[in-house]
Amino acid sequence: MRNSLISRSLLASAFVVCLVSMASTAAVAREGNARSIGNGVKCRTQAVLQADGTYKVQQVCRKGV
């Protein structure tokens, strides 16, 4: 009986930890790695396809809605 209680409490705490970590991951995914530079403009660093077929890492900025 005692082992059953301990295993249930461990399982419940592991479930809560998973939920908390998923919630924080969703918040990061929404914002991504973009950073605000003001006036609704967000910039992120991403790989951009060049004319010669290679990728170059550049800063790309977009105005938000």
C-alpha atoms as a PDB file:
ATOM      1  CA  MET A   1       0.000   0.000   0.000  1.00  0.00           C
ATOM      2  CA  ARG A   2       2.805   2.391   0.892  1.00  0.00           C
ATOM      3  CA  ASN A   3       4.665   1.658  -2.371  1.00  0.00           C
ATOM      4  CA  SER A   4       1.483   2.290  -4.320  1.00  0.00           C
ATOM      5  CA  LEU A   5       1.028   5.672  -2.647  1.00  0.00           C
ATOM      6  CA  ILE A   6       4.636   6.661  -3.303  1.00  0.00           C
ATOM      7  CA  SER A   7       4.483   5.615  -6.946  1.00  0.00           C
ATOM      8  CA  ARG A   8       1.222   7.528  -7.479  1.00  0.00           C
ATOM      9  CA  SER A   9       2.652  10.674  -5.923  1.00  0.00           C
ATOM     10  CA  LEU A  10       5.798  10.382  -8.066  1.00  0.00           C
ATOM     11  CA  LEU A  11       3.695   9.908 -11.169  1.00  0.00           C
ATOM     12  CA  ALA A  12       1.525  12.921 -10.299  1.00  0.00           C
ATOM     13  CA  SER A  13       4.542  15.140  -9.657  1.00  0.00           C
ATOM     14  CA  ALA A  14       6.160  14.033 -12.929  1.00  0.00           C
ATOM     15  CA  PHE A  15       2.936  14.898 -14.758  1.00  0.00           C
ATOM     16  CA  VAL A  16       2.881  18.387 -13.197  1.00  0.00           C
ATOM     17  CA  VAL A  17       6.528  18.955 -14.149  1.00  0.00           C
ATOM     18  CA  CYS A  18       5.753  17.953 -17.749  1.00  0.00           C
ATOM     19  CA  LEU A  19       2.805  20.356 -17.913  1.00  0.00           C
ATOM     20  CA  VAL A  20       4.865  23.247 -16.560  1.00  0.00           C
ATOM     21  CA  SER A  21       7.719  22.615 -18.973  1.00  0.00           C
ATOM     22  CA  MET A  22       5.325  22.378 -21.929  1.00  0.00           C
ATOM     23  CA  ALA A  23       3.693  25.682 -20.977  1.00  0.00           C
ATOM     24  CA  SER A  24       7.018  27.501 -20.883  1.00  0.00           C
ATOM     25  CA  THR A  25       8.043  25.921 -24.197  1.00  0.00           C
ATOM     26  CA  ALA A  26       4.811  27.119 -25.828  1.00  0.00           C
ATOM     27  CA  ALA A  27       5.496  30.669 -24.661  1.00  0.00           C
ATOM     28  CA  VAL A  28       8.982  30.581 -26.171  1.00  0.00           C
ATOM     29  CA  ALA A  29       7.672  29.080 -29.409  1.00  0.00           C
ATOM     30  CA  ARG A  30       5.144  31.868 -29.782  1.00  0.00           C
ATOM     31  CA  GLU A  31       7.784  34.562 -29.533  1.00  0.00           C
ATOM     32  CA  GLY A  32      10.556  32.517 -31.109  1.00  0.00           C
ATOM     33  CA  ASN A  33      14.009  34.008 -31.021  1.00  0.00           C
ATOM     34  CA  ALA A  34      12.749  37.392 -32.242  1.00  0.00           C
ATOM     35  CA  ARG A  35      13.696  40.499 -30.348  1.00  0.00           C
ATOM     36  CA  SER A  36      11.873  43.782 -30.424  1.00  0.00           C
ATOM     37  CA  ILE A  37      13.795  46.844 -31.570  1.00  0.00           C
ATOM     38  CA  GLY A  38      10.887  49.262 -31.108  1.00  0.00           C
ATOM     39  CA  ASN A  39       7.919  50.632 -33.053  1.00  0.00           C
ATOM     40  CA  GLY A  40       6.546  47.110 -33.570  1.00  0.00           C
ATOM     41  CA  VAL A  41       9.628  45.891 -35.451  1.00  0.00           C
ATOM     42  CA  LYS A  42      10.905  42.427 -34.523  1.00  0.00           C
ATOM     43  CA  CYS A  43      14.251  41.066 -35.705  1.00  0.00           C
ATOM     44  CA  ARG A  44      15.528  37.508 -35.749  1.00  0.00           C
ATOM     45  CA  THR A  45      18.629  35.768 -37.022  1.00  0.00           C
ATOM     46  CA  GLN A  46      17.858  33.125 -39.650  1.00  0.00           C
ATOM     47  CA  ALA A  47      19.384  31.321 -42.593  1.00  0.00           C
ATOM     48  CA  VAL A  48      18.588  33.040 -45.904  1.00  0.00           C
ATOM     49  CA  LEU A  49      18.938  31.289 -49.269  1.00  0.00           C
ATOM     50  CA  GLN A  50      21.392  33.104 -51.535  1.00  0.00           C
ATOM     51  CA  ALA A  51      21.311  33.265 -55.350  1.00  0.00           C
ATOM     52  CA  ASP A  52      24.186  30.768 -55.643  1.00  0.00           C
ATOM     53  CA  GLY A  53      22.243  28.126 -53.676  1.00  0.00           C
ATOM     54  CA  THR A  54      24.056  28.532 -50.364  1.00  0.00           C
ATOM     55  CA  TYR A  55      22.582  29.697 -47.085  1.00  0.00           C
ATOM     56  CA  LYS A  56      23.849  32.725 -45.197  1.00  0.00           C
ATOM     57  CA  VAL A  57      22.875  33.623 -41.637  1.00  0.00           C
ATOM     58  CA  GLN A  58      21.408  37.126 -41.621  1.00  0.00           C
ATOM     59  CA  GLN A  59      19.286  39.360 -39.425  1.00  0.00           C
ATOM     60  CA  VAL A  60      15.751  39.617 -40.809  1.00  0.00           C
ATOM     61  CA  CYS A  61      13.412  42.324 -39.489  1.00  0.00           C
ATOM     62  CA  ARG A  62       9.639  42.581 -39.911  1.00  0.00           C
ATOM     63  CA  LYS A  63       7.027  45.058 -38.764  1.00  0.00           C
ATOM     64  CA  GLY A  64       4.348  43.453 -36.583  1.00  0.00           C
ATOM     65  CA  VAL A  65       0.635  43.855 -37.058  1.00  0.00           C
END
